[in-house]
Amino acid sequence: MKSTVFTFPKLALGALLVSCAGLLSSQHPAADKGLKDYYKNYFPIGVAVGPQSIKGAEAELIKQQFNSVTPENAMKMGPIHPEENRYFWTDADAIVNFAQANKLRVRGHNLLWHEQTPKWLFKDAQGKPVSKEVLLKRLHDHIFTVVKRYKGKIYAWDVVNEAIADNPSEFLRNSEWYQICGEDFIAKAFEYAHEADPKAVLFYNDYNTERPEKRERVYKLLKKLVDAKVPIHAVGLQGHWSLQEPTEAELRKAIEQYSSLGLKVQITELDVSVYPWEKERREKRPGELDTYTPEVEQKQAAQYKMFFRVFRDYKNVLTGVTFWNVSDQYSWLDTYPVAGRKNYPLLFDQNLKPKRAYQEVVKF
């Protein structure tokens, strides 16, 4: 049988090759492009880091993919100010220096929280609770010392973290801050931070901010601060989400409601757990498997696709998205709420390779 040789005009062949290349690139994002490049016309893409993340292969991945970093723990009050007259700067300085060397923006996290807070802060020399005046003076001195050290190097601060109560029937969390100071500590923290660095963008940061009942309480707090002319500029939606929540409608409503106050919005601690949300710590149950099946991976990819589609729609008020940890190699969700239960909540797998969710995030 005689073989037939097909010939293509040069122009047609060139067009075919270009078309094929375009098809391939849409299916497999360019290796030299990172999240920051795909989203350069939308908002910065950040990641939470520790001292180990800024070395070796993870450091290279950070430089390729991200243009903003947040210290995961190094700037929290307990780690950075363990004793009244002693600060521990080593880890925080290393992260800021890494960011400066690689032209990455830095979000400071955080100045006031009810957890990871040193015990000395609330006690006098006899071990009794300090007065409101003493506690606010200690808060002032801490904020001034930390914020001024990094002035000009940190563009934004999570000033107050998670002050809303978990109990839907309560407003503010009954923390030691609240017990000693009432709700004044919140406004004072913002005032101190603004005085220490007038150019820094100041955030209130919280989780479950999309759940309707908590959304209303977060909005109530933000409105009170805005109406009182407190120097608050933005709200951080942590984004510790799952395959089950939030819905697209809940996410859109939250962004719209908070931004209606004139505040900018950021997603500050994004991960998508493969398990439903739980608040209380517990032991791993017998037979509770760490299975990341193709079906789970597909559901996670679909959630990430939806979230980023919504984010892009609100690029006029959304000024950043930060992932909480670099890859599935390590996530805080591996220890919380169930110690020893492996989670797979990020865009990069345990070998630092892009997952299906990554493809969905950059395909638009």
Foldseek 3Di string as FASTA:
>chain_A
DDDDDDDDPPVVVVVVVVVVVVVVCLQPPDPQAAQCRLCVVFAFEEAEDWQVCCDDPNVVNCLRHGQEYEHQPCQPACNQPVDLPDGDCVTVVSVLVSNVVSNHAYEYEALDELPSHHQVLQQDPVRDGDAQVSNLVSSLVSLLVVLLVCAVSHQAYQQYEAQADPDLVGQGHPGSNCVRHNPVSVLSSQVSNCVSHVRHAYEHEYEPCLVVSNVVSVLVVLLVCVVVVRRHAAYEYQAAEELPDDDLVSVLVSCVSNCVSVHAYEHHEHWYWPDHDDDAADEDDPPPALDDDPVSLVSLLVVLLSVLVSSRVPSVRYHYYYYHHQFQLDDPVCPPSYPNRRTGTDQAYNVRHGGSSSSSNSND
